[in-house]
Amino acid sequence: MSGKFLQGAVSRGLREAGAVLRDETTIFSRHRPKMTFLGLTPFVTNDTFIAPSASIIGEVTNWDQSSVWYGAVVRADSSHPITIGFNSSIGEGSVVTTLRKNGSLKTGFPPVCHIGHYVTVGAGSVLKSCRIDDLVVIGEKCTIMEGALVEANVMLEPGTVVPAYARIPAGQKWGGNPAKFVANLTHDEVEDIKRTSTEIHQRAKEHILEFLPVGNTYVHLEELERQQKDVKQG
């Protein structure tokens, strides 16, 4: 095969690919949703949804049916692990991290970040070396600082700031900056906590099915072939 023939074939292929993608451009990105850091690789189950624009880095453990949504960052690069529990979700643009490598808590406990089961973290929230027990709803743009403890069956209103080493008792709703007691949760509100996390998981399952890790260029090619076949038949 001559060099000119090969060059012509490659050029023709590039022109045809450009024609396919002229109207619907596929953007190829080198972004890695899962990133190994210093030999520590995030653990993700088969039914965990990690959005293509999210980032989970280092010693992160995602339990079954958990999800990390678009633009969120879960960064365990300071020798302190992060755990995201069963059926829990990290909303769009949220940041979950820990203290620096040599950092420590005044309580004497390790500065890990633990997120329990059936926890919903609203979009734009920041969690740092805190503990969130099971069945908690964290509203959008909340901030939970190091050493803070949020007990089970709690709702935090959007924009709530939980100061370092603060404790939010079980069965209550808190809000404000700094966080203050609002009300005790009703039975229906407690039931809504688990229902909310389950609904988010169902939505995440749909995104798992739609997201194609190998890219979707071939979908456009198949569509073009169908259009050409319809033209010939017409």
C-alpha atoms as a PDB file:
ATOM      1  CA  MET A   1       0.000   0.000   0.000  1.00  0.00           C
ATOM      2  CA  SER A   2       1.534   3.308  -1.080  1.00  0.00           C
ATOM      3  CA  GLY A   3       1.986   6.243   1.253  1.00  0.00           C
ATOM      4  CA  LYS A   4      -0.213   8.468  -0.933  1.00  0.00           C
ATOM      5  CA  PHE A   5      -3.044   5.945  -0.890  1.00  0.00           C
ATOM      6  CA  LEU A   6      -2.847   5.650   2.911  1.00  0.00           C
ATOM      7  CA  GLN A   7      -2.755   9.419   3.314  1.00  0.00           C
ATOM      8  CA  GLY A   8      -5.779   9.770   1.063  1.00  0.00           C
ATOM      9  CA  ALA A   9      -7.705   7.118   2.999  1.00  0.00           C
ATOM     10  CA  VAL A  10      -6.973   8.820   6.314  1.00  0.00           C
ATOM     11  CA  SER A  11      -7.935  12.232   4.945  1.00  0.00           C
ATOM     12  CA  ARG A  12     -11.186  10.848   3.551  1.00  0.00           C
ATOM     13  CA  GLY A  13     -11.969   9.187   6.862  1.00  0.00           C
ATOM     14  CA  LEU A  14     -11.411  12.425   8.735  1.00  0.00           C
ATOM     15  CA  ARG A  15     -13.654  14.333   6.343  1.00  0.00           C
ATOM     16  CA  GLU A  16     -16.421  11.762   6.734  1.00  0.00           C
ATOM     17  CA  ALA A  17     -16.104  11.826  10.530  1.00  0.00           C
ATOM     18  CA  GLY A  18     -16.321  15.614  10.423  1.00  0.00           C
ATOM     19  CA  ALA A  19     -19.468  15.402   8.323  1.00  0.00           C
ATOM     20  CA  VAL A  20     -21.060  13.058  10.836  1.00  0.00           C
ATOM     21  CA  LEU A  21     -20.255  15.327  13.776  1.00  0.00           C
ATOM     22  CA  ARG A  22     -20.983  18.637  12.025  1.00  0.00           C
ATOM     23  CA  ASP A  23     -24.394  19.111  13.579  1.00  0.00           C
ATOM     24  CA  GLU A  24     -23.972  17.191  16.822  1.00  0.00           C
ATOM     25  CA  THR A  25     -20.473  17.538  18.218  1.00  0.00           C
ATOM     26  CA  THR A  26     -19.142  14.923  20.593  1.00  0.00           C
ATOM     27  CA  ILE A  27     -16.612  16.390  23.010  1.00  0.00           C
ATOM     28  CA  PHE A  28     -13.888  14.019  24.095  1.00  0.00           C
ATOM     29  CA  SER A  29     -12.492  14.636  27.553  1.00  0.00           C
ATOM     30  CA  ARG A  30      -9.532  13.200  29.428  1.00  0.00           C
ATOM     31  CA  HIS A  31     -11.260  13.822  32.734  1.00  0.00           C
ATOM     32  CA  ARG A  32     -11.146  10.762  34.994  1.00  0.00           C
ATOM     33  CA  PRO A  33     -14.112  10.401  37.363  1.00  0.00           C
ATOM     34  CA  LYS A  34     -12.120   7.896  39.449  1.00  0.00           C
ATOM     35  CA  MET A  35      -8.522   8.804  40.255  1.00  0.00           C
ATOM     36  CA  THR A  36      -5.910   6.785  42.116  1.00  0.00           C
ATOM     37  CA  PHE A  37      -3.807   8.916  44.454  1.00  0.00           C
ATOM     38  CA  LEU A  38      -0.562   7.687  46.060  1.00  0.00           C
ATOM     39  CA  GLY A  39      -1.580   4.109  45.370  1.00  0.00           C
ATOM     40  CA  LEU A  40      -5.047   4.449  46.896  1.00  0.00           C
ATOM     41  CA  THR A  41      -7.898   3.765  44.490  1.00  0.00           C
ATOM     42  CA  PRO A  42     -11.564   4.639  45.102  1.00  0.00           C
ATOM     43  CA  PHE A  43     -13.787   1.612  45.701  1.00  0.00           C
ATOM     44  CA  VAL A  44     -16.983   1.740  43.674  1.00  0.00           C
ATOM     45  CA  THR A  45     -19.624  -0.988  43.329  1.00  0.00           C
ATOM     46  CA  ASN A  46     -21.290  -1.954  40.053  1.00  0.00           C
ATOM     47  CA  ASP A  47     -24.492  -0.099  40.929  1.00  0.00           C
ATOM     48  CA  THR A  48     -22.777   3.089  42.079  1.00  0.00           C
ATOM     49  CA  PHE A  49     -23.297   6.059  39.773  1.00  0.00           C
ATOM     50  CA  ILE A  50     -20.332   8.382  39.357  1.00  0.00           C
ATOM     51  CA  ALA A  51     -21.231  11.192  36.952  1.00  0.00           C
ATOM     52  CA  PRO A  52     -18.762  11.663  34.080  1.00  0.00           C
ATOM     53  CA  SER A  53     -17.899  15.181  35.291  1.00  0.00           C
ATOM     54  CA  ALA A  54     -17.592  14.215  38.967  1.00  0.00           C
ATOM     55  CA  SER A  55     -14.289  13.372  40.673  1.00  0.00           C
ATOM     56  CA  ILE A  56     -13.617  10.820  43.388  1.00  0.00           C
ATOM     57  CA  ILE A  57      -9.982  10.785  44.400  1.00  0.00           C
ATOM     58  CA  GLY A  58      -7.943   8.545  46.658  1.00  0.00           C
ATOM     59  CA  GLU A  59      -9.226   6.529  49.617  1.00  0.00           C
ATOM     60  CA  VAL A  60     -12.953   6.809  48.934  1.00  0.00           C
ATOM     61  CA  THR A  61     -15.430   3.978  49.526  1.00  0.00           C
ATOM     62  CA  ASN A  62     -18.802   4.100  47.789  1.00  0.00           C
ATOM     63  CA  TRP A  63     -21.355   1.641  49.115  1.00  0.00           C
ATOM     64  CA  ASP A  64     -23.984  -0.011  46.923  1.00  0.00           C
ATOM     65  CA  GLN A  65     -26.549   2.235  45.231  1.00  0.00           C
ATOM     66  CA  SER A  66     -24.681   5.404  46.183  1.00  0.00           C
ATOM     67  CA  SER A  67     -24.219   8.224  43.675  1.00  0.00           C
ATOM     68  CA  VAL A  68     -21.913  11.185  43.096  1.00  0.00           C
ATOM     69  CA  TRP A  69     -23.523  13.707  40.764  1.00  0.00           C
ATOM     70  CA  TYR A  70     -22.255  16.111  38.121  1.00  0.00           C
ATOM     71  CA  GLY A  71     -19.423  18.407  39.109  1.00  0.00           C
ATOM     72  CA  ALA A  72     -19.119  16.997  42.634  1.00  0.00           C
ATOM     73  CA  VAL A  73     -15.676  16.343  44.126  1.00  0.00           C
ATOM     74  CA  VAL A  74     -14.950  13.697  46.767  1.00  0.00           C
ATOM     75  CA  ARG A  75     -11.275  14.135  47.634  1.00  0.00           C
ATOM     76  CA  ALA A  76      -9.496  11.808  50.052  1.00  0.00           C
ATOM     77  CA  ASP A  77      -5.887  12.722  49.288  1.00  0.00           C
ATOM     78  CA  SER A  78      -4.689  13.437  52.842  1.00  0.00           C
ATOM     79  CA  SER A  79      -4.396   9.906  54.292  1.00  0.00           C
ATOM     80  CA  HIS A  80      -7.874  10.242  55.790  1.00  0.00           C
ATOM     81  CA  PRO A  81     -10.576   8.049  54.188  1.00  0.00           C
ATOM     82  CA  ILE A  82     -14.035   9.111  53.062  1.00  0.00           C
ATOM     83  CA  THR A  83     -17.022   6.758  53.150  1.00  0.00           C
ATOM     84  CA  ILE A  84     -20.336   7.239  51.321  1.00  0.00           C
ATOM     85  CA  GLY A  85     -22.993   4.852  52.585  1.00  0.00           C
ATOM     86  CA  PHE A  86     -25.668   2.687  51.019  1.00  0.00           C
ATOM     87  CA  ASN A  87     -28.224   4.600  48.944  1.00  0.00           C
ATOM     88  CA  SER A  88     -26.577   7.912  49.744  1.00  0.00           C
ATOM     89  CA  SER A  89     -25.961  10.693  47.228  1.00  0.00           C
ATOM     90  CA  ILE A  90     -23.618  13.647  46.807  1.00  0.00           C
ATOM     91  CA  GLY A  91     -25.375  16.426  44.898  1.00  0.00           C
ATOM     92  CA  GLU A  92     -24.148  18.484  41.952  1.00  0.00           C
ATOM     93  CA  GLY A  93     -21.148  20.690  42.673  1.00  0.00           C
ATOM     94  CA  SER A  94     -20.692  19.493  46.250  1.00  0.00           C
ATOM     95  CA  VAL A  95     -17.267  19.033  47.839  1.00  0.00           C
ATOM     96  CA  VAL A  96     -16.464  16.305  50.364  1.00  0.00           C
ATOM     97  CA  THR A  97     -12.957  16.383  51.805  1.00  0.00           C
ATOM     98  CA  THR A  98     -10.891  15.994  54.971  1.00  0.00           C
ATOM     99  CA  LEU A  99      -8.304  17.876  56.975  1.00  0.00           C
ATOM    100  CA  ARG A 100      -4.739  18.081  55.689  1.00  0.00           C
ATOM    101  CA  LYS A 101      -2.415  15.096  56.020  1.00  0.00           C
ATOM    102  CA  ASN A 102      -1.079  15.982  59.484  1.00  0.00           C
ATOM    103  CA  GLY A 103      -4.348  17.505  60.663  1.00  0.00           C
ATOM    104  CA  SER A 104      -6.143  16.246  63.763  1.00  0.00           C
ATOM    105  CA  LEU A 105      -9.412  16.802  65.579  1.00  0.00           C
ATOM    106  CA  LYS A 106      -9.606  18.209  69.092  1.00  0.00           C
ATOM    107  CA  THR A 107     -11.805  15.253  70.012  1.00  0.00           C
ATOM    108  CA  GLY A 108      -8.953  12.835  69.380  1.00  0.00           C
ATOM    109  CA  PHE A 109     -10.896  10.948  66.709  1.00  0.00           C
ATOM    110  CA  PRO A 110      -9.311  10.506  63.272  1.00  0.00           C
ATOM    111  CA  PRO A 111     -10.348  13.282  60.856  1.00  0.00           C
ATOM    112  CA  VAL A 112     -12.165  10.997  58.436  1.00  0.00           C
ATOM    113  CA  CYS A 113     -15.376  11.970  56.669  1.00  0.00           C
ATOM    114  CA  HIS A 114     -18.165   9.464  57.215  1.00  0.00           C
ATOM    115  CA  ILE A 115     -21.496   9.689  55.400  1.00  0.00           C
ATOM    116  CA  GLY A 116     -23.975   7.053  56.531  1.00  0.00           C
ATOM    117  CA  HIS A 117     -26.752   5.185  54.748  1.00  0.00           C
ATOM    118  CA  TYR A 118     -29.750   6.895  53.116  1.00  0.00           C
ATOM    119  CA  VAL A 119     -28.106  10.318  53.279  1.00  0.00           C
ATOM    120  CA  THR A 120     -28.927  13.015  50.733  1.00  0.00           C
ATOM    121  CA  VAL A 121     -26.334  15.773  50.335  1.00  0.00           C
ATOM    122  CA  GLY A 122     -27.836  18.714  48.475  1.00  0.00           C
ATOM    123  CA  ALA A 123     -26.157  20.463  45.549  1.00  0.00           C
ATOM    124  CA  GLY A 124     -23.338  22.869  46.336  1.00  0.00           C
ATOM    125  CA  SER A 125     -22.721  21.631  49.866  1.00  0.00           C
ATOM    126  CA  VAL A 126     -19.331  21.323  51.570  1.00  0.00           C
ATOM    127  CA  LEU A 127     -18.495  18.570  54.070  1.00  0.00           C
ATOM    128  CA  LYS A 128     -15.122  18.401  55.797  1.00  0.00           C
ATOM    129  CA  SER A 129     -13.961  15.675  58.207  1.00  0.00           C
ATOM    130  CA  CYS A 130     -17.425  15.354  59.733  1.00  0.00           C
ATOM    131  CA  ARG A 131     -19.703  12.448  60.633  1.00  0.00           C
ATOM    132  CA  ILE A 132     -23.186  12.149  59.167  1.00  0.00           C
ATOM    133  CA  ASP A 133     -25.236   9.305  60.630  1.00  0.00           C
ATOM    134  CA  ASP A 134     -27.894   7.364  58.703  1.00  0.00           C
ATOM    135  CA  LEU A 135     -31.098   8.889  57.332  1.00  0.00           C
ATOM    136  CA  VAL A 136     -30.156  12.547  56.966  1.00  0.00           C
ATOM    137  CA  VAL A 137     -31.180  15.174  54.417  1.00  0.00           C
ATOM    138  CA  ILE A 138     -28.653  17.978  53.935  1.00  0.00           C
ATOM    139  CA  GLY A 139     -30.158  20.869  52.003  1.00  0.00           C
ATOM    140  CA  GLU A 140     -28.502  22.694  49.142  1.00  0.00           C
ATOM    141  CA  LYS A 141     -25.403  24.813  49.854  1.00  0.00           C
ATOM    142  CA  CYS A 142     -24.939  23.603  53.413  1.00  0.00           C
ATOM    143  CA  THR A 143     -21.544  23.649  55.109  1.00  0.00           C
ATOM    144  CA  ILE A 144     -20.555  21.105  57.742  1.00  0.00           C
ATOM    145  CA  MET A 145     -17.176  21.732  59.305  1.00  0.00           C
ATOM    146  CA  GLU A 146     -14.604  19.406  60.848  1.00  0.00           C
ATOM    147  CA  GLY A 147     -15.507  17.411  63.917  1.00  0.00           C
ATOM    148  CA  ALA A 148     -19.236  18.098  63.544  1.00  0.00           C
ATOM    149  CA  LEU A 149     -21.706  15.295  64.213  1.00  0.00           C
ATOM    150  CA  VAL A 150     -25.122  15.066  62.562  1.00  0.00           C
ATOM    151  CA  GLU A 151     -27.140  12.288  64.175  1.00  0.00           C
ATOM    152  CA  ALA A 152     -29.767  10.066  62.514  1.00  0.00           C
ATOM    153  CA  ASN A 153     -33.146  11.286  61.232  1.00  0.00           C
ATOM    154  CA  VAL A 154     -32.120  14.911  60.784  1.00  0.00           C
ATOM    155  CA  MET A 155     -32.962  17.546  58.176  1.00  0.00           C
ATOM    156  CA  LEU A 156     -30.770  20.576  57.542  1.00  0.00           C
ATOM    157  CA  GLU A 157     -32.413  23.478  55.745  1.00  0.00           C
ATOM    158  CA  PRO A 158     -30.687  24.883  52.633  1.00  0.00           C
ATOM    159  CA  GLY A 159     -27.736  27.143  53.443  1.00  0.00           C
ATOM    160  CA  THR A 160     -27.254  25.777  56.956  1.00  0.00           C
ATOM    161  CA  VAL A 161     -23.760  26.130  58.425  1.00  0.00           C
ATOM    162  CA  VAL A 162     -22.820  23.573  61.085  1.00  0.00           C
ATOM    163  CA  PRO A 163     -19.735  24.895  62.936  1.00  0.00           C
ATOM    164  CA  ALA A 164     -16.739  22.764  63.817  1.00  0.00           C
ATOM    165  CA  TYR A 165     -17.398  20.221  66.600  1.00  0.00           C
ATOM    166  CA  ALA A 166     -21.096  21.039  66.743  1.00  0.00           C
ATOM    167  CA  ARG A 167     -23.670  18.275  67.343  1.00  0.00           C
ATOM    168  CA  ILE A 168     -27.085  18.080  65.709  1.00  0.00           C
ATOM    169  CA  PRO A 169     -29.319  15.760  67.799  1.00  0.00           C
ATOM    170  CA  ALA A 170     -31.399  13.009  66.223  1.00  0.00           C
ATOM    171  CA  GLY A 171     -34.960  13.607  65.052  1.00  0.00           C
ATOM    172  CA  GLN A 172     -34.655  17.361  64.560  1.00  0.00           C
ATOM    173  CA  LYS A 173     -34.627  20.029  61.860  1.00  0.00           C
ATOM    174  CA  TRP A 174     -31.940  22.721  62.007  1.00  0.00           C
ATOM    175  CA  GLY A 175     -31.172  25.770  59.898  1.00  0.00           C
ATOM    176  CA  GLY A 176     -29.327  29.076  59.726  1.00  0.00           C
ATOM    177  CA  ASN A 177     -25.754  30.323  60.081  1.00  0.00           C
ATOM    178  CA  PRO A 178     -24.697  29.152  62.558  1.00  0.00           C
ATOM    179  CA  ALA A 179     -27.139  26.249  62.696  1.00  0.00           C
ATOM    180  CA  LYS A 180     -29.981  26.599  65.195  1.00  0.00           C
ATOM    181  CA  PHE A 181     -32.828  24.322  66.217  1.00  0.00           C
ATOM    182  CA  VAL A 182     -35.971  24.785  64.111  1.00  0.00           C
ATOM    183  CA  ALA A 183     -38.364  21.992  65.058  1.00  0.00           C
ATOM    184  CA  ASN A 184     -38.717  18.324  65.851  1.00  0.00           C
ATOM    185  CA  LEU A 185     -39.377  16.204  62.779  1.00  0.00           C
ATOM    186  CA  THR A 186     -42.841  14.817  62.263  1.00  0.00           C
ATOM    187  CA  HIS A 187     -43.425  11.165  61.431  1.00  0.00           C
ATOM    188  CA  ASP A 188     -44.081  12.071  57.780  1.00  0.00           C
ATOM    189  CA  GLU A 189     -40.845  14.063  57.562  1.00  0.00           C
ATOM    190  CA  VAL A 190     -38.872  11.128  58.945  1.00  0.00           C
ATOM    191  CA  GLU A 191     -40.459   8.856  56.330  1.00  0.00           C
ATOM    192  CA  ASP A 192     -39.587  11.359  53.599  1.00  0.00           C
ATOM    193  CA  ILE A 193     -35.865  11.078  54.369  1.00  0.00           C
ATOM    194  CA  LYS A 194     -35.597   7.492  53.168  1.00  0.00           C
ATOM    195  CA  ARG A 195     -38.050   8.115  50.337  1.00  0.00           C
ATOM    196  CA  THR A 196     -35.924  10.992  49.047  1.00  0.00           C
ATOM    197  CA  SER A 197     -32.721   8.944  48.946  1.00  0.00           C
ATOM    198  CA  THR A 198     -34.509   6.059  47.222  1.00  0.00           C
ATOM    199  CA  GLU A 199     -35.919   8.358  44.537  1.00  0.00           C
ATOM    200  CA  ILE A 200     -32.453   9.749  43.849  1.00  0.00           C
ATOM    201  CA  HIS A 201     -31.118   6.217  43.487  1.00  0.00           C
ATOM    202  CA  GLN A 202     -33.836   5.388  40.948  1.00  0.00           C
ATOM    203  CA  ARG A 203     -32.843   8.467  38.964  1.00  0.00           C
ATOM    204  CA  ALA A 204     -29.188   7.465  39.210  1.00  0.00           C
ATOM    205  CA  LYS A 205     -30.031   4.054  37.715  1.00  0.00           C
ATOM    206  CA  GLU A 206     -31.419   5.816  34.661  1.00  0.00           C
ATOM    207  CA  HIS A 207     -28.225   7.837  34.316  1.00  0.00           C
ATOM    208  CA  ILE A 208     -26.123   4.672  34.610  1.00  0.00           C
ATOM    209  CA  LEU A 209     -28.035   3.171  31.691  1.00  0.00           C
ATOM    210  CA  GLU A 210     -27.707   6.326  29.592  1.00  0.00           C
ATOM    211  CA  PHE A 211     -24.042   6.988  30.266  1.00  0.00           C
ATOM    212  CA  LEU A 212     -21.798   5.100  27.818  1.00  0.00           C
ATOM    213  CA  PRO A 213     -18.195   4.953  29.079  1.00  0.00           C
ATOM    214  CA  VAL A 214     -16.958   4.068  25.578  1.00  0.00           C
ATOM    215  CA  GLY A 215     -18.388   7.253  24.090  1.00  0.00           C
ATOM    216  CA  ASN A 216     -21.438   7.788  21.913  1.00  0.00           C
ATOM    217  CA  THR A 217     -19.939   8.588  18.515  1.00  0.00           C
ATOM    218  CA  TYR A 218     -21.194   5.293  17.152  1.00  0.00           C
ATOM    219  CA  VAL A 219     -24.740   6.364  17.988  1.00  0.00           C
ATOM    220  CA  HIS A 220     -24.379   9.263  15.529  1.00  0.00           C
ATOM    221  CA  LEU A 221     -22.927   6.920  12.908  1.00  0.00           C
ATOM    222  CA  GLU A 222     -25.859   4.538  13.277  1.00  0.00           C
ATOM    223  CA  GLU A 223     -28.285   7.435  12.972  1.00  0.00           C
ATOM    224  CA  LEU A 224     -26.552   8.614   9.795  1.00  0.00           C
ATOM    225  CA  GLU A 225     -26.721   5.094   8.331  1.00  0.00           C
ATOM    226  CA  ARG A 226     -30.450   4.937   9.099  1.00  0.00           C
ATOM    227  CA  GLN A 227     -30.996   8.298   7.428  1.00  0.00           C
ATOM    228  CA  GLN A 228     -29.108   7.187   4.323  1.00  0.00           C
ATOM    229  CA  LYS A 229     -31.121   3.949   4.200  1.00  0.00           C
ATOM    230  CA  ASP A 230     -34.375   5.903   4.438  1.00  0.00           C
ATOM    231  CA  VAL A 231     -33.279   8.148   1.568  1.00  0.00           C
ATOM    232  CA  LYS A 232     -32.465   5.171  -0.644  1.00  0.00           C
ATOM    233  CA  GLN A 233     -35.769   3.485   0.162  1.00  0.00           C
ATOM    234  CA  GLY A 234     -37.642   6.734  -0.487  1.00  0.00           C
END
